[in-house]
């Protein structure tokens, strides 16, 4: 069974052809429950998300801020397992036809087994993985199995990345490049900042892969700003916060669907 890297590629090509950025939503698996998390993914897609990242909850998430850490803790206390992550990918993709990636730190994959993980993700209809803490120079085993199973390998670049390092990272990646808009952890912010635009420009100088920006985008105005210079706008903490702040699950689903609609309008107004 081959994964859906080609669906990811064609989706990003289609948004570029429509002269707009893609809206990429992030939600952790198992939050607020496994079933509720699947419904949340469906809700953000119904609202207008083009691509979804499913977070694999981790007890020590180095890139994630307090909002996503809170959701991860809820998921872990609920007993979420990698099998639940795969189920989330499978059911969300089958219901929507949208490319679904997994965002995970390396340790869970290493313990689970690279071949087993990539095979199961491909069988679930996944499009690939975002691996924020896997160094490119240590990624050959992962990339071998990801290529074998038709999965994208998305690496993260940061404003601190030197141009030579950017070239090394982008040469090894596929699908798209995740550009962290600033140094630090995930979370909503008042401003995305000029660092992101500079990073996108420097990254594009090294690759033809789409460059998508995450960390800090939380509203339509910020989405429109980032869509003016990036191929994709990645939003995570704002969706998770909407779920956390809701009085019940139904209200949370309505909130994330509404937010996705606002952000989808934003990426079309660049």
C-alpha atoms as a PDB file:
ATOM      1  CA  UNK A   1       0.000   0.000   0.000  1.00  0.00           C
ATOM      2  CA  UNK A   2       1.411   3.361  -1.008  1.00  0.00           C
ATOM      3  CA  UNK A   3       0.935   6.538   0.987  1.00  0.00           C
ATOM      4  CA  UNK A   4      -0.518   9.756  -0.305  1.00  0.00           C
ATOM      5  CA  UNK A   5       2.481  11.978  -1.024  1.00  0.00           C
ATOM      6  CA  UNK A   6       1.126  12.568  -4.531  1.00  0.00           C
ATOM      7  CA  UNK A   7      -2.184  13.790  -3.093  1.00  0.00           C
ATOM      8  CA  UNK A   8      -0.228  16.229  -0.933  1.00  0.00           C
ATOM      9  CA  UNK A   9       1.770  17.403  -3.944  1.00  0.00           C
ATOM     10  CA  UNK A  10      -1.297  17.883  -6.134  1.00  0.00           C
ATOM     11  CA  UNK A  11      -3.164  19.696  -3.357  1.00  0.00           C
ATOM     12  CA  UNK A  12      -0.342  22.204  -2.919  1.00  0.00           C
ATOM     13  CA  UNK A  13      -0.010  22.571  -6.702  1.00  0.00           C
ATOM     14  CA  UNK A  14      -3.745  23.273  -6.952  1.00  0.00           C
ATOM     15  CA  UNK A  15      -3.693  26.006  -4.310  1.00  0.00           C
ATOM     16  CA  UNK A  16      -0.674  27.580  -6.001  1.00  0.00           C
ATOM     17  CA  UNK A  17      -2.494  27.427  -9.365  1.00  0.00           C
ATOM     18  CA  UNK A  18      -5.446  29.173  -7.703  1.00  0.00           C
ATOM     19  CA  UNK A  19      -3.008  31.927  -6.632  1.00  0.00           C
ATOM     20  CA  UNK A  20      -3.510  31.368  -2.947  1.00  0.00           C
ATOM     21  CA  UNK A  21      -1.823  29.700  -0.025  1.00  0.00           C
ATOM     22  CA  UNK A  22      -2.980  26.398   1.428  1.00  0.00           C
ATOM     23  CA  UNK A  23      -4.554  26.352   4.880  1.00  0.00           C
ATOM     24  CA  UNK A  24      -2.909  23.620   6.958  1.00  0.00           C
ATOM     25  CA  UNK A  25      -4.541  22.788  10.291  1.00  0.00           C
ATOM     26  CA  UNK A  26      -2.897  20.977  13.182  1.00  0.00           C
ATOM     27  CA  UNK A  27      -4.779  18.959  15.810  1.00  0.00           C
ATOM     28  CA  UNK A  28      -3.440  16.334  18.217  1.00  0.00           C
ATOM     29  CA  UNK A  29      -4.809  12.796  18.073  1.00  0.00           C
ATOM     30  CA  UNK A  30      -6.813  11.686  21.098  1.00  0.00           C
ATOM     31  CA  UNK A  31      -7.952  15.194  22.045  1.00  0.00           C
ATOM     32  CA  UNK A  32     -10.402  15.586  23.664  1.00  0.00           C
ATOM     33  CA  UNK A  33     -10.926  11.853  23.014  1.00  0.00           C
ATOM     34  CA  UNK A  34      -9.953   9.679  20.066  1.00  0.00           C
ATOM     35  CA  UNK A  35     -13.459   9.918  18.572  1.00  0.00           C
ATOM     36  CA  UNK A  36     -13.670  13.611  19.389  1.00  0.00           C
ATOM     37  CA  UNK A  37     -10.314  14.235  17.764  1.00  0.00           C
ATOM     38  CA  UNK A  38     -11.451  12.552  14.553  1.00  0.00           C
ATOM     39  CA  UNK A  39     -14.570  14.720  14.510  1.00  0.00           C
ATOM     40  CA  UNK A  40     -12.428  17.814  15.098  1.00  0.00           C
ATOM     41  CA  UNK A  41     -10.329  16.989  12.031  1.00  0.00           C
ATOM     42  CA  UNK A  42     -13.478  16.592   9.963  1.00  0.00           C
ATOM     43  CA  UNK A  43     -14.735  19.936  11.316  1.00  0.00           C
ATOM     44  CA  UNK A  44     -11.635  21.925  10.332  1.00  0.00           C
ATOM     45  CA  UNK A  45     -11.746  20.379   6.864  1.00  0.00           C
ATOM     46  CA  UNK A  46     -15.433  21.222   6.543  1.00  0.00           C
ATOM     47  CA  UNK A  47     -14.509  24.775   7.519  1.00  0.00           C
ATOM     48  CA  UNK A  48     -11.932  25.072   4.749  1.00  0.00           C
ATOM     49  CA  UNK A  49      -8.620  23.452   5.718  1.00  0.00           C
ATOM     50  CA  UNK A  50      -6.803  22.032   2.681  1.00  0.00           C
ATOM     51  CA  UNK A  51      -4.378  19.790   4.574  1.00  0.00           C
ATOM     52  CA  UNK A  52      -4.303  18.507   8.155  1.00  0.00           C
ATOM     53  CA  UNK A  53      -1.433  17.585  10.466  1.00  0.00           C
ATOM     54  CA  UNK A  54      -2.261  15.071  13.202  1.00  0.00           C
ATOM     55  CA  UNK A  55      -0.051  15.467  16.240  1.00  0.00           C
ATOM     56  CA  UNK A  56       1.246  12.338  17.953  1.00  0.00           C
ATOM     57  CA  UNK A  57       0.983  13.333  21.636  1.00  0.00           C
ATOM     58  CA  UNK A  58       4.311  13.334  23.441  1.00  0.00           C
ATOM     59  CA  UNK A  59       5.200  13.763  27.093  1.00  0.00           C
ATOM     60  CA  UNK A  60       8.146  16.073  26.343  1.00  0.00           C
ATOM     61  CA  UNK A  61       7.208  18.145  23.278  1.00  0.00           C
ATOM     62  CA  UNK A  62      10.173  20.449  22.677  1.00  0.00           C
ATOM     63  CA  UNK A  63       8.502  22.520  19.946  1.00  0.00           C
ATOM     64  CA  UNK A  64       5.014  22.784  21.446  1.00  0.00           C
ATOM     65  CA  UNK A  65       3.851  25.581  23.704  1.00  0.00           C
ATOM     66  CA  UNK A  66       1.511  25.354  26.705  1.00  0.00           C
ATOM     67  CA  UNK A  67      -1.745  25.117  24.735  1.00  0.00           C
ATOM     68  CA  UNK A  68      -0.723  22.058  22.737  1.00  0.00           C
ATOM     69  CA  UNK A  69       1.061  20.594  25.775  1.00  0.00           C
ATOM     70  CA  UNK A  70      -2.257  20.778  27.662  1.00  0.00           C
ATOM     71  CA  UNK A  71      -4.069  18.954  24.863  1.00  0.00           C
ATOM     72  CA  UNK A  72      -1.298  16.356  24.628  1.00  0.00           C
ATOM     73  CA  UNK A  73      -1.564  15.753  28.374  1.00  0.00           C
ATOM     74  CA  UNK A  74      -5.325  15.206  28.082  1.00  0.00           C
ATOM     75  CA  UNK A  75      -4.760  12.751  25.221  1.00  0.00           C
ATOM     76  CA  UNK A  76      -2.009  10.862  27.044  1.00  0.00           C
ATOM     77  CA  UNK A  77      -4.048  10.623  30.242  1.00  0.00           C
ATOM     78  CA  UNK A  78      -6.860   9.277  28.066  1.00  0.00           C
ATOM     79  CA  UNK A  79      -4.554   6.460  26.989  1.00  0.00           C
ATOM     80  CA  UNK A  80      -3.921   7.479  23.364  1.00  0.00           C
ATOM     81  CA  UNK A  81      -1.622   5.119  21.458  1.00  0.00           C
ATOM     82  CA  UNK A  82       0.017   5.105  18.032  1.00  0.00           C
ATOM     83  CA  UNK A  83      -2.799   2.831  16.844  1.00  0.00           C
ATOM     84  CA  UNK A  84      -5.214   5.671  17.687  1.00  0.00           C
ATOM     85  CA  UNK A  85      -3.105   8.105  15.669  1.00  0.00           C
ATOM     86  CA  UNK A  86      -3.289   5.759  12.681  1.00  0.00           C
ATOM     87  CA  UNK A  87      -7.040   5.372  13.156  1.00  0.00           C
ATOM     88  CA  UNK A  88      -7.426   9.159  13.238  1.00  0.00           C
ATOM     89  CA  UNK A  89      -5.496   9.478   9.973  1.00  0.00           C
ATOM     90  CA  UNK A  90      -7.467   6.668   8.336  1.00  0.00           C
ATOM     91  CA  UNK A  91     -10.950   7.815   9.311  1.00  0.00           C
ATOM     92  CA  UNK A  92     -10.293  11.495   8.615  1.00  0.00           C
ATOM     93  CA  UNK A  93      -8.816  10.771   5.194  1.00  0.00           C
ATOM     94  CA  UNK A  94     -11.527   8.291   4.227  1.00  0.00           C
ATOM     95  CA  UNK A  95     -14.234  10.759   5.228  1.00  0.00           C
ATOM     96  CA  UNK A  96     -12.755  13.796   3.466  1.00  0.00           C
ATOM     97  CA  UNK A  97     -10.189  12.809   0.817  1.00  0.00           C
ATOM     98  CA  UNK A  98      -7.843  15.488   2.184  1.00  0.00           C
ATOM     99  CA  UNK A  99      -4.106  14.810   2.652  1.00  0.00           C
ATOM    100  CA  UNK A 100      -3.342  14.001   6.288  1.00  0.00           C
ATOM    101  CA  UNK A 101       0.157  14.062   7.753  1.00  0.00           C
ATOM    102  CA  UNK A 102       1.449  13.069  11.174  1.00  0.00           C
ATOM    103  CA  UNK A 103       3.593  15.474  13.162  1.00  0.00           C
ATOM    104  CA  UNK A 104       5.762  13.609  15.632  1.00  0.00           C
ATOM    105  CA  UNK A 105       9.012  13.647  17.483  1.00  0.00           C
ATOM    106  CA  UNK A 106      11.472  10.932  16.571  1.00  0.00           C
ATOM    107  CA  UNK A 107      11.527   8.890  19.779  1.00  0.00           C
ATOM    108  CA  UNK A 108       8.045   7.319  19.398  1.00  0.00           C
ATOM    109  CA  UNK A 109       8.839   6.231  15.828  1.00  0.00           C
ATOM    110  CA  UNK A 110      12.219   4.860  16.839  1.00  0.00           C
ATOM    111  CA  UNK A 111      10.649   2.794  19.626  1.00  0.00           C
ATOM    112  CA  UNK A 112       7.742   1.636  17.468  1.00  0.00           C
ATOM    113  CA  UNK A 113       9.949   0.697  14.527  1.00  0.00           C
ATOM    114  CA  UNK A 114      10.495   2.761  11.390  1.00  0.00           C
ATOM    115  CA  UNK A 115       9.315   0.068   8.963  1.00  0.00           C
ATOM    116  CA  UNK A 116       6.222  -0.682  11.040  1.00  0.00           C
ATOM    117  CA  UNK A 117       5.350   2.997  11.441  1.00  0.00           C
ATOM    118  CA  UNK A 118       5.746   3.920   7.774  1.00  0.00           C
ATOM    119  CA  UNK A 119       3.901   0.827   6.588  1.00  0.00           C
ATOM    120  CA  UNK A 120       0.961   1.482   8.909  1.00  0.00           C
ATOM    121  CA  UNK A 121       0.831   5.184   8.056  1.00  0.00           C
ATOM    122  CA  UNK A 122       0.743   4.389   4.341  1.00  0.00           C
ATOM    123  CA  UNK A 123      -1.972   1.784   4.883  1.00  0.00           C
ATOM    124  CA  UNK A 124      -3.996   4.391   6.790  1.00  0.00           C
ATOM    125  CA  UNK A 125      -3.848   6.724   3.796  1.00  0.00           C
ATOM    126  CA  UNK A 126      -1.359   9.126   5.354  1.00  0.00           C
ATOM    127  CA  UNK A 127       0.542  11.591   3.187  1.00  0.00           C
ATOM    128  CA  UNK A 128       3.713  11.799   5.241  1.00  0.00           C
ATOM    129  CA  UNK A 129       5.356  13.001   8.437  1.00  0.00           C
ATOM    130  CA  UNK A 130       6.647  16.254   9.872  1.00  0.00           C
ATOM    131  CA  UNK A 131       9.689  15.474  12.010  1.00  0.00           C
ATOM    132  CA  UNK A 132      10.784  18.589  13.934  1.00  0.00           C
ATOM    133  CA  UNK A 133      13.605  16.975  15.924  1.00  0.00           C
ATOM    134  CA  UNK A 134      15.079  14.506  13.428  1.00  0.00           C
ATOM    135  CA  UNK A 135      18.441  15.850  12.168  1.00  0.00           C
ATOM    136  CA  UNK A 136      18.800  15.536   8.408  1.00  0.00           C
ATOM    137  CA  UNK A 137      22.164  13.817   8.791  1.00  0.00           C
ATOM    138  CA  UNK A 138      20.488  11.075  10.855  1.00  0.00           C
ATOM    139  CA  UNK A 139      17.402  10.705   8.642  1.00  0.00           C
ATOM    140  CA  UNK A 140      18.556   8.206   5.990  1.00  0.00           C
ATOM    141  CA  UNK A 141      16.739   5.218   7.525  1.00  0.00           C
ATOM    142  CA  UNK A 142      13.499   7.157   7.871  1.00  0.00           C
ATOM    143  CA  UNK A 143      13.697   8.549   4.344  1.00  0.00           C
ATOM    144  CA  UNK A 144      14.402   5.120   2.873  1.00  0.00           C
ATOM    145  CA  UNK A 145      11.221   3.696   4.365  1.00  0.00           C
ATOM    146  CA  UNK A 146       9.165   6.830   3.722  1.00  0.00           C
ATOM    147  CA  UNK A 147      10.131   6.761   0.038  1.00  0.00           C
ATOM    148  CA  UNK A 148       9.370   3.052  -0.124  1.00  0.00           C
ATOM    149  CA  UNK A 149       5.852   3.662   1.189  1.00  0.00           C
ATOM    150  CA  UNK A 150       5.007   6.873  -0.696  1.00  0.00           C
ATOM    151  CA  UNK A 151       5.233   9.231   2.272  1.00  0.00           C
ATOM    152  CA  UNK A 152       6.514  12.804   2.399  1.00  0.00           C
ATOM    153  CA  UNK A 153       9.323  13.771   4.760  1.00  0.00           C
ATOM    154  CA  UNK A 154       8.762  17.331   5.948  1.00  0.00           C
ATOM    155  CA  UNK A 155      11.629  18.966   7.805  1.00  0.00           C
ATOM    156  CA  UNK A 156      11.454  22.140   9.888  1.00  0.00           C
ATOM    157  CA  UNK A 157      13.668  25.163   9.214  1.00  0.00           C
ATOM    158  CA  UNK A 158      14.058  28.131  11.535  1.00  0.00           C
ATOM    159  CA  UNK A 159      15.176  31.774  11.268  1.00  0.00           C
ATOM    160  CA  UNK A 160      18.504  30.717  12.783  1.00  0.00           C
ATOM    161  CA  UNK A 161      19.170  28.269   9.928  1.00  0.00           C
ATOM    162  CA  UNK A 162      22.117  29.384   7.807  1.00  0.00           C
ATOM    163  CA  UNK A 163      21.751  29.288   4.021  1.00  0.00           C
ATOM    164  CA  UNK A 164      24.033  26.273   3.593  1.00  0.00           C
ATOM    165  CA  UNK A 165      22.072  24.413   6.252  1.00  0.00           C
ATOM    166  CA  UNK A 166      18.791  25.338   4.529  1.00  0.00           C
ATOM    167  CA  UNK A 167      20.095  23.827   1.296  1.00  0.00           C
ATOM    168  CA  UNK A 168      21.020  20.588   3.075  1.00  0.00           C
ATOM    169  CA  UNK A 169      17.611  20.332   4.749  1.00  0.00           C
ATOM    170  CA  UNK A 170      15.531  21.121   1.676  1.00  0.00           C
ATOM    171  CA  UNK A 171      17.520  18.722  -0.510  1.00  0.00           C
ATOM    172  CA  UNK A 172      16.553  15.873   1.822  1.00  0.00           C
ATOM    173  CA  UNK A 173      12.893  16.807   2.291  1.00  0.00           C
ATOM    174  CA  UNK A 174       9.759  16.197   0.249  1.00  0.00           C
ATOM    175  CA  UNK A 175       6.162  17.391   0.232  1.00  0.00           C
ATOM    176  CA  UNK A 176       6.865  20.851   1.601  1.00  0.00           C
ATOM    177  CA  UNK A 177       9.211  22.692   3.939  1.00  0.00           C
ATOM    178  CA  UNK A 178       7.881  23.740   7.353  1.00  0.00           C
ATOM    179  CA  UNK A 179       9.256  27.209   8.099  1.00  0.00           C
ATOM    180  CA  UNK A 180       9.031  28.123  11.780  1.00  0.00           C
ATOM    181  CA  UNK A 181       8.166  31.818  11.785  1.00  0.00           C
ATOM    182  CA  UNK A 182      10.283  32.586  14.837  1.00  0.00           C
ATOM    183  CA  UNK A 183      12.519  31.006  17.406  1.00  0.00           C
ATOM    184  CA  UNK A 184      10.532  29.450  20.220  1.00  0.00           C
ATOM    185  CA  UNK A 185       7.587  27.136  20.787  1.00  0.00           C
ATOM    186  CA  UNK A 186       4.135  26.995  19.240  1.00  0.00           C
ATOM    187  CA  UNK A 187       1.439  29.402  20.380  1.00  0.00           C
ATOM    188  CA  UNK A 188      -0.714  32.277  19.233  1.00  0.00           C
ATOM    189  CA  UNK A 189       1.030  35.640  18.975  1.00  0.00           C
ATOM    190  CA  UNK A 190       0.088  39.229  18.276  1.00  0.00           C
ATOM    191  CA  UNK A 191       2.440  39.383  15.291  1.00  0.00           C
ATOM    192  CA  UNK A 192       4.039  36.767  13.085  1.00  0.00           C
ATOM    193  CA  UNK A 193       6.991  39.022  12.334  1.00  0.00           C
ATOM    194  CA  UNK A 194       9.312  39.858   9.459  1.00  0.00           C
ATOM    195  CA  UNK A 195      11.645  36.957  10.246  1.00  0.00           C
ATOM    196  CA  UNK A 196       9.192  34.590   8.601  1.00  0.00           C
ATOM    197  CA  UNK A 197       9.195  36.384   5.264  1.00  0.00           C
ATOM    198  CA  UNK A 198      12.986  36.496   5.212  1.00  0.00           C
ATOM    199  CA  UNK A 199      13.159  32.788   6.041  1.00  0.00           C
ATOM    200  CA  UNK A 200      10.707  31.906   3.268  1.00  0.00           C
ATOM    201  CA  UNK A 201      12.766  33.872   0.754  1.00  0.00           C
ATOM    202  CA  UNK A 202      16.012  32.232   1.807  1.00  0.00           C
ATOM    203  CA  UNK A 203      14.428  28.783   1.795  1.00  0.00           C
ATOM    204  CA  UNK A 204      12.922  29.250  -1.660  1.00  0.00           C
ATOM    205  CA  UNK A 205      16.372  30.097  -2.966  1.00  0.00           C
ATOM    206  CA  UNK A 206      17.377  26.509  -2.201  1.00  0.00           C
ATOM    207  CA  UNK A 207      14.365  24.484  -3.364  1.00  0.00           C
ATOM    208  CA  UNK A 208      11.288  24.192  -5.552  1.00  0.00           C
ATOM    209  CA  UNK A 209       9.329  22.623  -2.691  1.00  0.00           C
ATOM    210  CA  UNK A 210       6.430  24.676  -1.330  1.00  0.00           C
ATOM    211  CA  UNK A 211       7.352  26.602   1.823  1.00  0.00           C
ATOM    212  CA  UNK A 212       4.665  26.694   4.509  1.00  0.00           C
ATOM    213  CA  UNK A 213       4.835  28.870   7.612  1.00  0.00           C
ATOM    214  CA  UNK A 214       3.785  27.884  11.117  1.00  0.00           C
ATOM    215  CA  UNK A 215       4.053  29.151  14.717  1.00  0.00           C
ATOM    216  CA  UNK A 216       1.993  32.142  15.740  1.00  0.00           C
ATOM    217  CA  UNK A 217      -0.850  32.432  13.210  1.00  0.00           C
ATOM    218  CA  UNK A 218      -4.211  32.637  14.971  1.00  0.00           C
ATOM    219  CA  UNK A 219      -6.588  34.856  12.978  1.00  0.00           C
ATOM    220  CA  UNK A 220      -7.654  35.747   9.452  1.00  0.00           C
ATOM    221  CA  UNK A 221      -5.541  38.911   9.274  1.00  0.00           C
ATOM    222  CA  UNK A 222      -2.365  37.042  10.211  1.00  0.00           C
ATOM    223  CA  UNK A 223      -3.273  34.253   7.804  1.00  0.00           C
ATOM    224  CA  UNK A 224      -3.653  36.800   4.995  1.00  0.00           C
ATOM    225  CA  UNK A 225      -0.309  38.381   5.903  1.00  0.00           C
ATOM    226  CA  UNK A 226       1.562  35.069   5.818  1.00  0.00           C
ATOM    227  CA  UNK A 227      -0.297  33.939   2.687  1.00  0.00           C
ATOM    228  CA  UNK A 228       1.199  36.974   0.967  1.00  0.00           C
ATOM    229  CA  UNK A 229       4.635  35.378   0.957  1.00  0.00           C
ATOM    230  CA  UNK A 230       4.224  31.660   1.807  1.00  0.00           C
ATOM    231  CA  UNK A 231       2.765  28.661  -0.021  1.00  0.00           C
ATOM    232  CA  UNK A 232       0.910  27.470   3.048  1.00  0.00           C
ATOM    233  CA  UNK A 233      -0.272  28.819   6.399  1.00  0.00           C
ATOM    234  CA  UNK A 234      -0.054  26.364   9.311  1.00  0.00           C
ATOM    235  CA  UNK A 235      -2.337  26.917  12.302  1.00  0.00           C
ATOM    236  CA  UNK A 236      -2.334  24.720  15.393  1.00  0.00           C
ATOM    237  CA  UNK A 237      -2.553  26.387  18.793  1.00  0.00           C
ATOM    238  CA  UNK A 238      -5.532  28.538  17.810  1.00  0.00           C
ATOM    239  CA  UNK A 239      -7.559  25.446  16.909  1.00  0.00           C
ATOM    240  CA  UNK A 240      -6.536  23.624  20.073  1.00  0.00           C
ATOM    241  CA  UNK A 241      -7.334  26.664  22.217  1.00  0.00           C
ATOM    242  CA  UNK A 242     -10.791  26.881  20.633  1.00  0.00           C
ATOM    243  CA  UNK A 243     -11.413  23.287  21.676  1.00  0.00           C
ATOM    244  CA  UNK A 244     -10.014  23.829  25.175  1.00  0.00           C
ATOM    245  CA  UNK A 245     -12.099  26.963  25.744  1.00  0.00           C
ATOM    246  CA  UNK A 246     -15.381  25.415  24.590  1.00  0.00           C
ATOM    247  CA  UNK A 247     -17.896  24.367  27.259  1.00  0.00           C
ATOM    248  CA  UNK A 248     -18.488  21.000  25.598  1.00  0.00           C
ATOM    249  CA  UNK A 249     -17.369  18.943  22.623  1.00  0.00           C
ATOM    250  CA  UNK A 250     -20.182  20.065  20.308  1.00  0.00           C
ATOM    251  CA  UNK A 251     -19.319  23.702  20.946  1.00  0.00           C
ATOM    252  CA  UNK A 252     -15.656  22.923  20.372  1.00  0.00           C
ATOM    253  CA  UNK A 253     -16.366  21.345  16.992  1.00  0.00           C
ATOM    254  CA  UNK A 254     -18.458  24.350  15.980  1.00  0.00           C
ATOM    255  CA  UNK A 255     -15.682  26.684  17.116  1.00  0.00           C
ATOM    256  CA  UNK A 256     -12.915  24.996  15.137  1.00  0.00           C
ATOM    257  CA  UNK A 257     -15.091  24.776  12.041  1.00  0.00           C
ATOM    258  CA  UNK A 258     -15.861  28.501  12.311  1.00  0.00           C
ATOM    259  CA  UNK A 259     -12.203  29.395  12.880  1.00  0.00           C
ATOM    260  CA  UNK A 260     -11.179  27.303   9.871  1.00  0.00           C
ATOM    261  CA  UNK A 261     -13.694  29.234   7.774  1.00  0.00           C
ATOM    262  CA  UNK A 262     -12.259  32.572   8.890  1.00  0.00           C
ATOM    263  CA  UNK A 263      -8.690  31.445   8.234  1.00  0.00           C
ATOM    264  CA  UNK A 264      -9.661  30.002   4.840  1.00  0.00           C
ATOM    265  CA  UNK A 265     -11.032  33.412   3.887  1.00  0.00           C
ATOM    266  CA  UNK A 266      -7.807  34.972   5.135  1.00  0.00           C
ATOM    267  CA  UNK A 267      -5.527  32.862   2.942  1.00  0.00           C
ATOM    268  CA  UNK A 268      -7.632  33.875  -0.050  1.00  0.00           C
ATOM    269  CA  UNK A 269      -7.214  37.599   0.665  1.00  0.00           C
ATOM    270  CA  UNK A 270      -3.457  37.865   0.396  1.00  0.00           C
END
